[in-house]
Each structure stands twice: as C-alpha cells, then as structure tokens.
C-alpha cells in the first residue's frame, strides 16, 4: 500500500488481485444482493484509492480494507433502516455477556446463507470476519467496537445459529 501511495499502480493491482475475492465474498455473504455487493466492493476499492496518500500502516492492509468495507455495509444498513447495535440491545435487556472462552471456530464449516441471513447485521459481520481469519482484536478494530462486544456478538450468533440449526432438523 505504501508503494501505491507513492504512485506505483502495479502495487495497487497486486493488492486488488490478492484481496478482491475474499472482500467480495465477505460483502456478498453480508448482503446476498449481487448488484449492491458489486457497488459496495467498488466503493470500498475507491476508498482505498482515495486514501492511498494518507494511508498509515497501523494495522495489516487486510484489516484496514475490511474496515472500509464494514463501514460501507453499516452505511447501507442504516440507509435501509436495518442496522441495530447488538451491544446496545443486549445492554438494554441486561444481558451484557462476559465470555470466558473464545467463540467456536467455523473454519471447516460452511454456514447456510439462509441461517446467516437470520442473524442481526452486527452478529453476522463478526462471524463472517472470524471466518475470514481475523482475530478478535482485528474484528474489534474493523467494527469499531470493544473486544468484549465482539465476543458477545459471536457468542449470541453461535447460540442463535445452534438454535436455528436444531429447529431445522425437527
């Protein structure tokens, strides 16, 4: 990214080729609307281009890239009136979670798009970022949330998915 910021267009091409598929998959699994996904992916890459000169490598490029995509998704959900902050909802119900162990990993398992679509956006985002291989700290950074909030989102997402999956077999 530093080379691209200094004007090396081949550096951008390498970044794009390396990250375009995981980024597209992340956005697609978040929205499942190919037209809007393409728009958001395009907007994310425009954000990279527009920020190239100001880029500060405080985190891995992939973390920074997915942060941009996350913000684009949140903006989309807000425009659609579908964004709700899960941490606030849990706090209102008195269910702030204290998680003693890391949430279950889903690396070797593909979740049904139908089940994922039933999760609140913040939970779905945390789970999809975890599947992309991001650590809890990186997910928190991307989501502009605390690590404990991410743990809660993942815990509630897993509980809901287990409940949904259990109900699907009945």
N, C-alpha and C. Protein backbone atom coordinates (compact mmCIF):
# COMPACT_ATOMS: atom_id res chain seq x y z
N UNK A 1 0.83 -1.18 0.00
CA UNK A 1 0.00 0.00 0.00
C UNK A 1 0.87 1.25 0.00
N UNK A 2 2.00 1.16 0.69
CA UNK A 2 2.92 2.29 0.71
C UNK A 2 3.42 2.62 -0.69
N UNK A 3 3.73 1.57 -1.46
CA UNK A 3 4.20 1.78 -2.83
C UNK A 3 3.10 2.39 -3.69
N UNK A 4 1.88 1.95 -3.52
CA UNK A 4 0.77 2.52 -4.28
C UNK A 4 0.59 3.99 -3.90
N UNK A 5 0.69 4.30 -2.63
CA UNK A 5 0.57 5.68 -2.17
C UNK A 5 1.64 6.59 -2.78
N UNK A 6 2.76 6.00 -3.15
CA UNK A 6 3.83 6.77 -3.80
C UNK A 6 3.70 6.76 -5.32
N UNK A 7 2.59 6.21 -5.83
CA UNK A 7 2.33 6.28 -7.26
C UNK A 7 2.56 5.02 -8.06
N UNK A 8 2.87 3.92 -7.42
CA UNK A 8 3.12 2.66 -8.12
C UNK A 8 1.78 1.94 -8.38
N UNK A 9 1.26 2.07 -9.60
CA UNK A 9 -0.04 1.48 -9.92
C UNK A 9 0.00 -0.05 -9.94
N UNK A 10 1.16 -0.63 -10.20
CA UNK A 10 1.27 -2.09 -10.16
C UNK A 10 1.09 -2.62 -8.73
N UNK A 11 1.48 -1.82 -7.76
CA UNK A 11 1.28 -2.22 -6.37
C UNK A 11 -0.21 -2.33 -6.06
N UNK A 12 -1.00 -1.39 -6.57
CA UNK A 12 -2.44 -1.47 -6.36
C UNK A 12 -3.01 -2.72 -7.02
N UNK A 13 -2.55 -3.00 -8.22
CA UNK A 13 -3.03 -4.18 -8.93
C UNK A 13 -2.76 -5.45 -8.12
N UNK A 14 -1.59 -5.53 -7.51
CA UNK A 14 -1.26 -6.70 -6.68
C UNK A 14 -2.18 -6.78 -5.46
N UNK A 15 -2.40 -5.64 -4.81
CA UNK A 15 -3.31 -5.62 -3.66
C UNK A 15 -4.72 -6.05 -4.07
N UNK A 16 -5.16 -5.51 -5.19
CA UNK A 16 -6.50 -5.82 -5.67
C UNK A 16 -6.64 -7.31 -5.99
N UNK A 17 -5.69 -7.86 -6.71
CA UNK A 17 -5.76 -9.27 -7.08
C UNK A 17 -5.71 -10.18 -5.86
N UNK A 18 -4.93 -9.80 -4.87
CA UNK A 18 -4.79 -10.61 -3.66
C UNK A 18 -6.05 -10.58 -2.79
N UNK A 19 -6.74 -9.45 -2.75
CA UNK A 19 -7.82 -9.28 -1.77
C UNK A 19 -9.23 -9.17 -2.36
N UNK A 20 -9.37 -9.11 -3.69
CA UNK A 20 -10.69 -8.87 -4.26
C UNK A 20 -11.68 -10.00 -3.97
N UNK A 21 -11.26 -11.24 -4.09
CA UNK A 21 -12.19 -12.35 -3.86
C UNK A 21 -12.63 -12.48 -2.40
N UNK A 22 -11.69 -12.44 -1.43
CA UNK A 22 -12.16 -12.50 -0.03
C UNK A 22 -13.06 -11.31 0.33
N UNK A 23 -12.73 -10.13 -0.18
CA UNK A 23 -13.54 -8.95 0.10
C UNK A 23 -14.94 -9.11 -0.50
N UNK A 24 -15.01 -9.53 -1.75
CA UNK A 24 -16.30 -9.71 -2.41
C UNK A 24 -17.12 -10.76 -1.66
N UNK A 25 -16.48 -11.87 -1.28
CA UNK A 25 -17.19 -12.92 -0.55
C UNK A 25 -17.74 -12.43 0.78
N UNK A 26 -16.94 -11.64 1.48
CA UNK A 26 -17.36 -11.07 2.75
C UNK A 26 -18.59 -10.18 2.56
N UNK A 27 -18.54 -9.29 1.60
CA UNK A 27 -19.67 -8.38 1.36
C UNK A 27 -20.88 -9.17 0.87
N UNK A 28 -20.66 -10.13 -0.02
CA UNK A 28 -21.77 -10.92 -0.56
C UNK A 28 -22.48 -11.70 0.54
N UNK A 29 -21.72 -12.32 1.42
CA UNK A 29 -22.35 -13.10 2.48
C UNK A 29 -23.03 -12.19 3.51
N UNK A 30 -22.66 -10.91 3.50
CA UNK A 30 -23.30 -9.95 4.40
C UNK A 30 -24.62 -9.46 3.83
N UNK A 31 -24.72 -9.38 2.51
CA UNK A 31 -25.90 -8.79 1.87
C UNK A 31 -26.69 -9.76 1.01
N UNK A 32 -25.99 -10.60 0.26
CA UNK A 32 -26.63 -11.54 -0.66
C UNK A 32 -27.47 -10.83 -1.72
N UNK A 33 -26.99 -9.70 -2.20
CA UNK A 33 -27.62 -8.92 -3.28
C UNK A 33 -26.49 -8.54 -4.23
N UNK A 34 -26.30 -9.33 -5.26
CA UNK A 34 -25.12 -9.20 -6.11
C UNK A 34 -24.92 -7.79 -6.64
N UNK A 35 -25.97 -7.13 -7.07
CA UNK A 35 -25.84 -5.77 -7.61
C UNK A 35 -25.29 -4.82 -6.55
N UNK A 36 -25.89 -4.86 -5.36
CA UNK A 36 -25.45 -3.96 -4.28
C UNK A 36 -24.06 -4.35 -3.78
N UNK A 37 -23.77 -5.64 -3.78
CA UNK A 37 -22.45 -6.12 -3.36
C UNK A 37 -21.38 -5.55 -4.29
N UNK A 38 -21.64 -5.60 -5.58
CA UNK A 38 -20.68 -5.05 -6.54
C UNK A 38 -20.46 -3.56 -6.30
N UNK A 39 -21.55 -2.84 -6.01
CA UNK A 39 -21.44 -1.41 -5.71
C UNK A 39 -20.59 -1.17 -4.47
N UNK A 40 -20.86 -1.93 -3.41
CA UNK A 40 -20.12 -1.73 -2.17
C UNK A 40 -18.65 -2.14 -2.31
N UNK A 41 -18.38 -3.20 -3.07
CA UNK A 41 -16.99 -3.59 -3.31
C UNK A 41 -16.27 -2.48 -4.07
N UNK A 42 -16.93 -1.94 -5.07
CA UNK A 42 -16.37 -0.84 -5.86
C UNK A 42 -16.11 0.38 -4.96
N UNK A 43 -17.08 0.71 -4.12
CA UNK A 43 -16.93 1.85 -3.21
C UNK A 43 -15.78 1.61 -2.23
N UNK A 44 -15.61 0.37 -1.79
CA UNK A 44 -14.51 0.04 -0.88
C UNK A 44 -13.17 0.27 -1.56
N UNK A 45 -13.02 -0.21 -2.80
CA UNK A 45 -11.76 -0.02 -3.51
C UNK A 45 -11.53 1.45 -3.84
N UNK A 46 -12.61 2.20 -4.10
CA UNK A 46 -12.44 3.65 -4.29
C UNK A 46 -11.94 4.30 -3.00
N UNK A 47 -12.42 3.81 -1.88
CA UNK A 47 -11.94 4.31 -0.59
C UNK A 47 -10.46 4.06 -0.42
N UNK A 48 -10.00 2.90 -0.86
CA UNK A 48 -8.57 2.58 -0.80
C UNK A 48 -7.79 3.55 -1.68
N UNK A 49 -8.27 3.74 -2.89
CA UNK A 49 -7.58 4.64 -3.83
C UNK A 49 -7.54 6.06 -3.28
N UNK A 50 -8.68 6.54 -2.78
CA UNK A 50 -8.75 7.91 -2.28
C UNK A 50 -7.94 8.14 -1.02
N UNK A 51 -7.64 7.07 -0.29
CA UNK A 51 -6.88 7.20 0.96
C UNK A 51 -5.42 6.82 0.81
N UNK A 52 -5.01 6.47 -0.38
CA UNK A 52 -3.65 5.95 -0.58
C UNK A 52 -2.57 6.89 -0.06
N UNK A 53 -2.68 8.16 -0.32
CA UNK A 53 -1.64 9.11 0.08
C UNK A 53 -1.61 9.29 1.60
N UNK A 54 -2.74 9.04 2.28
CA UNK A 54 -2.81 9.23 3.73
C UNK A 54 -2.68 7.93 4.51
N UNK A 55 -2.55 6.81 3.83
CA UNK A 55 -2.53 5.50 4.49
C UNK A 55 -1.38 5.42 5.50
N UNK A 56 -1.72 5.03 6.72
CA UNK A 56 -0.74 4.79 7.78
C UNK A 56 -0.84 3.33 8.18
N UNK A 57 0.22 2.56 8.02
CA UNK A 57 0.15 1.12 8.32
C UNK A 57 0.09 0.81 9.81
N UNK A 58 -1.02 1.18 10.46
CA UNK A 58 -1.22 0.89 11.88
C UNK A 58 -1.71 -0.54 12.08
N UNK A 59 -2.27 -1.11 11.04
CA UNK A 59 -2.76 -2.49 11.09
C UNK A 59 -2.42 -3.13 9.75
N UNK A 60 -2.67 -4.41 9.64
CA UNK A 60 -2.45 -5.10 8.37
C UNK A 60 -3.36 -4.48 7.31
N UNK A 61 -2.90 -4.48 6.08
CA UNK A 61 -3.71 -3.92 4.99
C UNK A 61 -5.08 -4.57 4.94
N UNK A 62 -5.12 -5.89 5.09
CA UNK A 62 -6.40 -6.60 5.00
C UNK A 62 -7.36 -6.11 6.09
N UNK A 63 -6.87 -5.86 7.29
CA UNK A 63 -7.71 -5.35 8.37
C UNK A 63 -8.25 -3.98 7.99
N UNK A 64 -7.40 -3.13 7.47
CA UNK A 64 -7.80 -1.79 7.05
C UNK A 64 -8.82 -1.85 5.93
N UNK A 65 -8.59 -2.71 4.94
CA UNK A 65 -9.50 -2.88 3.82
C UNK A 65 -10.88 -3.32 4.29
N UNK A 66 -10.92 -4.33 5.16
CA UNK A 66 -12.20 -4.82 5.66
C UNK A 66 -12.88 -3.80 6.57
N UNK A 67 -12.12 -2.92 7.20
CA UNK A 67 -12.71 -1.82 7.98
C UNK A 67 -13.50 -0.90 7.07
N UNK A 68 -12.93 -0.60 5.92
CA UNK A 68 -13.61 0.25 4.94
C UNK A 68 -14.90 -0.44 4.49
N UNK A 69 -14.80 -1.73 4.16
CA UNK A 69 -15.97 -2.48 3.71
C UNK A 69 -17.03 -2.52 4.81
N UNK A 70 -16.60 -2.73 6.04
CA UNK A 70 -17.55 -2.76 7.16
C UNK A 70 -18.30 -1.44 7.27
N UNK A 71 -17.58 -0.33 7.17
CA UNK A 71 -18.24 0.98 7.24
C UNK A 71 -19.23 1.17 6.09
N UNK A 72 -18.88 0.69 4.91
CA UNK A 72 -19.80 0.78 3.76
C UNK A 72 -21.06 -0.05 4.02
N UNK A 73 -20.89 -1.24 4.61
CA UNK A 73 -22.04 -2.08 4.93
C UNK A 73 -22.93 -1.43 5.99
N UNK A 74 -22.32 -0.87 7.02
CA UNK A 74 -23.09 -0.21 8.07
C UNK A 74 -23.88 0.96 7.48
N UNK A 75 -23.23 1.75 6.62
CA UNK A 75 -23.93 2.85 5.96
C UNK A 75 -25.13 2.33 5.16
N UNK A 76 -24.92 1.24 4.45
CA UNK A 76 -26.01 0.64 3.67
C UNK A 76 -27.16 0.23 4.58
N UNK A 77 -26.84 -0.48 5.67
CA UNK A 77 -27.89 -0.93 6.58
C UNK A 77 -28.61 0.25 7.22
N UNK A 78 -27.86 1.28 7.55
CA UNK A 78 -28.52 2.46 8.14
C UNK A 78 -29.49 3.08 7.15
N UNK A 79 -29.08 3.16 5.89
CA UNK A 79 -29.98 3.71 4.87
C UNK A 79 -31.22 2.85 4.71
N UNK A 80 -31.05 1.56 4.92
CA UNK A 80 -32.18 0.63 4.80
C UNK A 80 -32.98 0.54 6.09
N UNK A 81 -32.52 1.18 7.16
CA UNK A 81 -33.19 1.12 8.45
C UNK A 81 -33.06 -0.22 9.13
N UNK A 82 -32.01 -1.00 8.76
CA UNK A 82 -31.87 -2.35 9.30
C UNK A 82 -30.74 -2.48 10.30
N UNK A 83 -29.97 -1.44 10.52
CA UNK A 83 -28.82 -1.56 11.41
C UNK A 83 -29.26 -1.40 12.85
N UNK A 84 -28.84 -2.32 13.67
CA UNK A 84 -29.08 -2.17 15.11
C UNK A 84 -27.81 -2.56 15.82
N UNK A 85 -27.47 -1.81 16.80
CA UNK A 85 -26.26 -2.12 17.55
C UNK A 85 -26.59 -3.20 18.57
N UNK A 86 -26.04 -4.37 18.33
CA UNK A 86 -26.35 -5.53 19.17
C UNK A 86 -25.93 -5.30 20.61
N UNK A 87 -24.78 -4.67 20.81
CA UNK A 87 -24.32 -4.43 22.18
C UNK A 87 -25.32 -3.57 22.94
N UNK A 88 -25.86 -2.56 22.30
CA UNK A 88 -26.86 -1.70 22.96
C UNK A 88 -28.12 -2.49 23.27
N UNK A 89 -28.54 -3.32 22.34
CA UNK A 89 -29.74 -4.12 22.56
C UNK A 89 -29.54 -5.08 23.74
N UNK A 90 -28.37 -5.69 23.81
CA UNK A 90 -28.09 -6.60 24.92
C UNK A 90 -28.03 -5.85 26.24
N UNK A 91 -27.41 -4.67 26.23
CA UNK A 91 -27.32 -3.88 27.45
C UNK A 91 -28.72 -3.49 27.93
N UNK A 92 -29.59 -3.14 27.00
CA UNK A 92 -30.95 -2.74 27.36
C UNK A 92 -31.70 -3.91 28.01
N UNK A 93 -31.37 -5.12 27.60
CA UNK A 93 -32.04 -6.30 28.17
C UNK A 93 -31.28 -6.83 29.39
N UNK A 94 -30.19 -6.17 29.76
CA UNK A 94 -29.41 -6.63 30.91
C UNK A 94 -28.64 -7.90 30.64
N UNK A 95 -28.27 -8.12 29.38
CA UNK A 95 -27.61 -9.36 29.02
C UNK A 95 -26.19 -9.15 28.51
N UNK A 96 -25.50 -8.14 29.00
CA UNK A 96 -24.11 -7.97 28.56
C UNK A 96 -23.34 -9.22 28.94
N UNK A 97 -22.66 -9.76 27.97
CA UNK A 97 -22.01 -11.05 28.18
C UNK A 97 -20.58 -10.89 28.65
N UNK A 98 -20.21 -11.78 29.52
CA UNK A 98 -18.80 -11.91 29.87
C UNK A 98 -18.42 -13.30 29.40
N UNK A 99 -17.59 -13.34 28.40
CA UNK A 99 -17.23 -14.62 27.78
C UNK A 99 -15.88 -15.05 28.32
N UNK A 100 -15.82 -16.24 28.85
CA UNK A 100 -14.56 -16.72 29.41
C UNK A 100 -13.73 -17.47 28.39
N UNK A 101 -14.36 -17.99 27.36
CA UNK A 101 -13.59 -18.69 26.34
C UNK A 101 -13.93 -18.13 24.97
N UNK A 102 -13.02 -18.29 24.05
CA UNK A 102 -13.23 -17.78 22.69
C UNK A 102 -14.41 -18.51 22.04
N UNK A 103 -15.15 -17.82 21.17
CA UNK A 103 -16.27 -18.47 20.48
C UNK A 103 -15.78 -19.62 19.59
N UNK A 104 -16.68 -20.52 19.29
CA UNK A 104 -16.34 -21.66 18.45
C UNK A 104 -15.88 -21.18 17.08
N UNK A 105 -14.94 -21.89 16.50
CA UNK A 105 -14.46 -21.58 15.16
C UNK A 105 -15.31 -22.33 14.14
N UNK A 106 -15.53 -21.68 13.01
CA UNK A 106 -16.34 -22.30 11.96
C UNK A 106 -15.52 -22.47 10.68
N UNK A 107 -14.19 -22.59 10.83
CA UNK A 107 -13.32 -22.58 9.66
C UNK A 107 -13.62 -23.69 8.67
N UNK A 108 -13.95 -24.87 9.14
CA UNK A 108 -14.14 -26.01 8.24
C UNK A 108 -15.60 -26.26 7.91
N UNK A 109 -16.42 -25.26 8.17
CA UNK A 109 -17.85 -25.45 8.02
C UNK A 109 -18.46 -24.29 7.23
N UNK A 110 -19.25 -24.58 6.26
CA UNK A 110 -19.97 -23.51 5.52
C UNK A 110 -21.35 -23.37 6.12
N UNK A 111 -21.66 -22.17 6.52
CA UNK A 111 -23.00 -21.92 7.07
C UNK A 111 -23.98 -21.68 5.94
N UNK A 112 -25.16 -22.12 6.15
CA UNK A 112 -26.22 -21.87 5.19
C UNK A 112 -26.48 -20.37 5.10
N UNK A 113 -26.60 -19.86 3.88
CA UNK A 113 -26.89 -18.44 3.68
C UNK A 113 -28.21 -18.07 4.35
N UNK A 114 -29.14 -19.01 4.36
CA UNK A 114 -30.43 -18.76 4.99
C UNK A 114 -30.29 -18.55 6.49
N UNK A 115 -29.46 -19.37 7.15
CA UNK A 115 -29.24 -19.21 8.58
C UNK A 115 -28.50 -17.90 8.88
N UNK A 116 -27.48 -17.61 8.09
CA UNK A 116 -26.73 -16.36 8.29
C UNK A 116 -27.62 -15.14 8.13
N UNK A 117 -28.52 -15.19 7.18
CA UNK A 117 -29.40 -14.06 6.92
C UNK A 117 -30.32 -13.77 8.11
N UNK A 118 -30.51 -14.75 8.97
CA UNK A 118 -31.40 -14.56 10.12
C UNK A 118 -30.69 -13.91 11.31
N UNK A 119 -29.38 -13.75 11.21
CA UNK A 119 -28.64 -13.09 12.29
C UNK A 119 -28.75 -11.58 12.16
N UNK A 120 -28.75 -10.87 13.28
CA UNK A 120 -28.66 -9.41 13.20
C UNK A 120 -27.36 -9.01 12.48
N UNK A 121 -27.36 -7.89 11.77
CA UNK A 121 -26.18 -7.50 10.99
C UNK A 121 -24.86 -7.50 11.76
N UNK A 122 -24.84 -6.99 12.98
CA UNK A 122 -23.59 -6.91 13.73
C UNK A 122 -23.06 -8.30 14.08
N UNK A 123 -23.94 -9.23 14.40
CA UNK A 123 -23.53 -10.60 14.69
C UNK A 123 -23.02 -11.29 13.43
N UNK A 124 -23.75 -11.11 12.33
CA UNK A 124 -23.35 -11.71 11.06
C UNK A 124 -21.96 -11.20 10.64
N UNK A 125 -21.75 -9.89 10.79
CA UNK A 125 -20.46 -9.30 10.44
C UNK A 125 -19.32 -9.91 11.25
N UNK A 126 -19.51 -10.00 12.55
CA UNK A 126 -18.46 -10.55 13.42
C UNK A 126 -18.15 -11.99 13.01
N UNK A 127 -19.17 -12.76 12.75
CA UNK A 127 -18.98 -14.16 12.37
C UNK A 127 -18.27 -14.28 11.03
N UNK A 128 -18.67 -13.48 10.05
CA UNK A 128 -18.04 -13.53 8.74
C UNK A 128 -16.59 -13.07 8.80
N UNK A 129 -16.30 -12.08 9.60
CA UNK A 129 -14.91 -11.63 9.76
C UNK A 129 -14.08 -12.73 10.42
N UNK A 130 -14.66 -13.40 11.40
CA UNK A 130 -13.95 -14.50 12.05
C UNK A 130 -13.65 -15.61 11.03
N UNK A 131 -14.61 -15.89 10.15
CA UNK A 131 -14.40 -16.90 9.12
C UNK A 131 -13.32 -16.48 8.13
N UNK A 132 -13.12 -15.19 7.96
CA UNK A 132 -12.06 -14.70 7.08
C UNK A 132 -10.69 -14.83 7.74
N UNK A 133 -10.66 -15.25 9.00
CA UNK A 133 -9.40 -15.47 9.69
C UNK A 133 -8.94 -14.30 10.56
N UNK A 134 -9.79 -13.30 10.74
CA UNK A 134 -9.43 -12.17 11.58
C UNK A 134 -9.50 -12.57 13.06
N UNK A 135 -8.58 -12.04 13.86
CA UNK A 135 -8.59 -12.28 15.30
C UNK A 135 -9.68 -11.42 15.94
N UNK A 136 -9.97 -11.70 17.20
CA UNK A 136 -10.97 -10.89 17.92
C UNK A 136 -10.55 -9.42 17.95
N UNK A 137 -9.28 -9.17 18.15
CA UNK A 137 -8.77 -7.79 18.18
C UNK A 137 -8.96 -7.12 16.83
N UNK A 138 -8.67 -7.84 15.75
CA UNK A 138 -8.84 -7.28 14.42
C UNK A 138 -10.31 -7.03 14.10
N UNK A 139 -11.17 -7.96 14.50
CA UNK A 139 -12.61 -7.78 14.27
C UNK A 139 -13.10 -6.55 15.03
N UNK A 140 -12.62 -6.39 16.24
CA UNK A 140 -12.99 -5.21 17.04
C UNK A 140 -12.53 -3.93 16.34
N UNK A 141 -11.31 -3.95 15.81
CA UNK A 141 -10.79 -2.78 15.12
C UNK A 141 -11.62 -2.48 13.87
N UNK A 142 -11.92 -3.49 13.09
CA UNK A 142 -12.71 -3.32 11.87
C UNK A 142 -14.10 -2.79 12.20
N UNK A 143 -14.69 -3.32 13.26
CA UNK A 143 -16.06 -2.98 13.63
C UNK A 143 -16.17 -1.74 14.51
N UNK A 144 -15.03 -1.19 14.89
CA UNK A 144 -15.02 -0.03 15.81
C UNK A 144 -15.79 -0.36 17.09
N UNK A 145 -15.48 -1.53 17.64
CA UNK A 145 -16.13 -2.00 18.86
C UNK A 145 -15.06 -2.55 19.81
N UNK A 146 -15.46 -2.81 21.03
CA UNK A 146 -14.55 -3.40 22.01
C UNK A 146 -14.48 -4.91 21.79
N UNK A 147 -13.37 -5.51 22.18
CA UNK A 147 -13.18 -6.95 22.04
C UNK A 147 -14.29 -7.70 22.77
N UNK A 148 -14.67 -7.23 23.97
CA UNK A 148 -15.74 -7.90 24.72
C UNK A 148 -17.07 -7.85 23.96
N UNK A 149 -17.32 -6.76 23.25
CA UNK A 149 -18.54 -6.65 22.44
C UNK A 149 -18.50 -7.68 21.32
N UNK A 150 -17.34 -7.83 20.69
CA UNK A 150 -17.19 -8.82 19.61
C UNK A 150 -17.40 -10.22 20.15
N UNK A 151 -16.84 -10.51 21.31
CA UNK A 151 -17.05 -11.83 21.93
C UNK A 151 -18.54 -12.07 22.15
N UNK A 152 -19.24 -11.04 22.62
CA UNK A 152 -20.68 -11.17 22.85
C UNK A 152 -21.42 -11.43 21.55
N UNK A 153 -21.07 -10.66 20.52
CA UNK A 153 -21.73 -10.84 19.23
C UNK A 153 -21.53 -12.26 18.71
N UNK A 154 -20.31 -12.76 18.83
CA UNK A 154 -20.02 -14.11 18.35
C UNK A 154 -20.74 -15.15 19.19
N UNK A 155 -20.77 -14.93 20.49
CA UNK A 155 -21.45 -15.88 21.37
C UNK A 155 -22.94 -15.95 21.05
N UNK A 156 -23.58 -14.79 20.90
CA UNK A 156 -25.01 -14.78 20.60
C UNK A 156 -25.29 -15.29 19.19
N UNK A 157 -24.39 -15.01 18.26
CA UNK A 157 -24.55 -15.53 16.89
C UNK A 157 -24.51 -17.05 16.90
N UNK A 158 -23.52 -17.60 17.62
CA UNK A 158 -23.40 -19.07 17.67
C UNK A 158 -24.63 -19.69 18.35
N UNK A 159 -25.09 -19.08 19.42
CA UNK A 159 -26.26 -19.61 20.12
C UNK A 159 -27.48 -19.59 19.20
N UNK A 160 -27.65 -18.49 18.48
CA UNK A 160 -28.80 -18.38 17.58
C UNK A 160 -28.69 -19.39 16.44
N UNK A 161 -27.48 -19.53 15.88
CA UNK A 161 -27.30 -20.50 14.79
C UNK A 161 -27.55 -21.92 15.27
N UNK A 162 -27.07 -22.25 16.48
CA UNK A 162 -27.33 -23.59 17.02
C UNK A 162 -28.83 -23.81 17.17
N UNK A 163 -29.53 -22.80 17.67
CA UNK A 163 -30.98 -22.91 17.82
C UNK A 163 -31.68 -23.05 16.47
N UNK A 164 -31.26 -22.28 15.51
CA UNK A 164 -31.86 -22.34 14.18
C UNK A 164 -31.57 -23.68 13.51
N UNK A 165 -30.32 -24.14 13.64
CA UNK A 165 -29.93 -25.41 13.03
C UNK A 165 -30.66 -26.58 13.70
N UNK A 166 -30.84 -26.49 15.02
CA UNK A 166 -31.57 -27.53 15.75
C UNK A 166 -33.03 -27.58 15.34
N UNK A 167 -33.61 -26.40 15.11
CA UNK A 167 -35.01 -26.32 14.69
C UNK A 167 -35.21 -26.80 13.28
N UNK A 168 -34.16 -26.73 12.46
CA UNK A 168 -34.27 -27.15 11.07
C UNK A 168 -34.37 -28.65 10.94
N UNK A 169 -33.91 -29.38 11.98
CA UNK A 169 -33.93 -30.84 11.91
C UNK A 169 -35.19 -31.43 12.52
N UNK A 170 -36.01 -30.59 13.10
CA UNK A 170 -37.21 -31.13 13.77
C UNK A 170 -38.33 -31.34 12.80
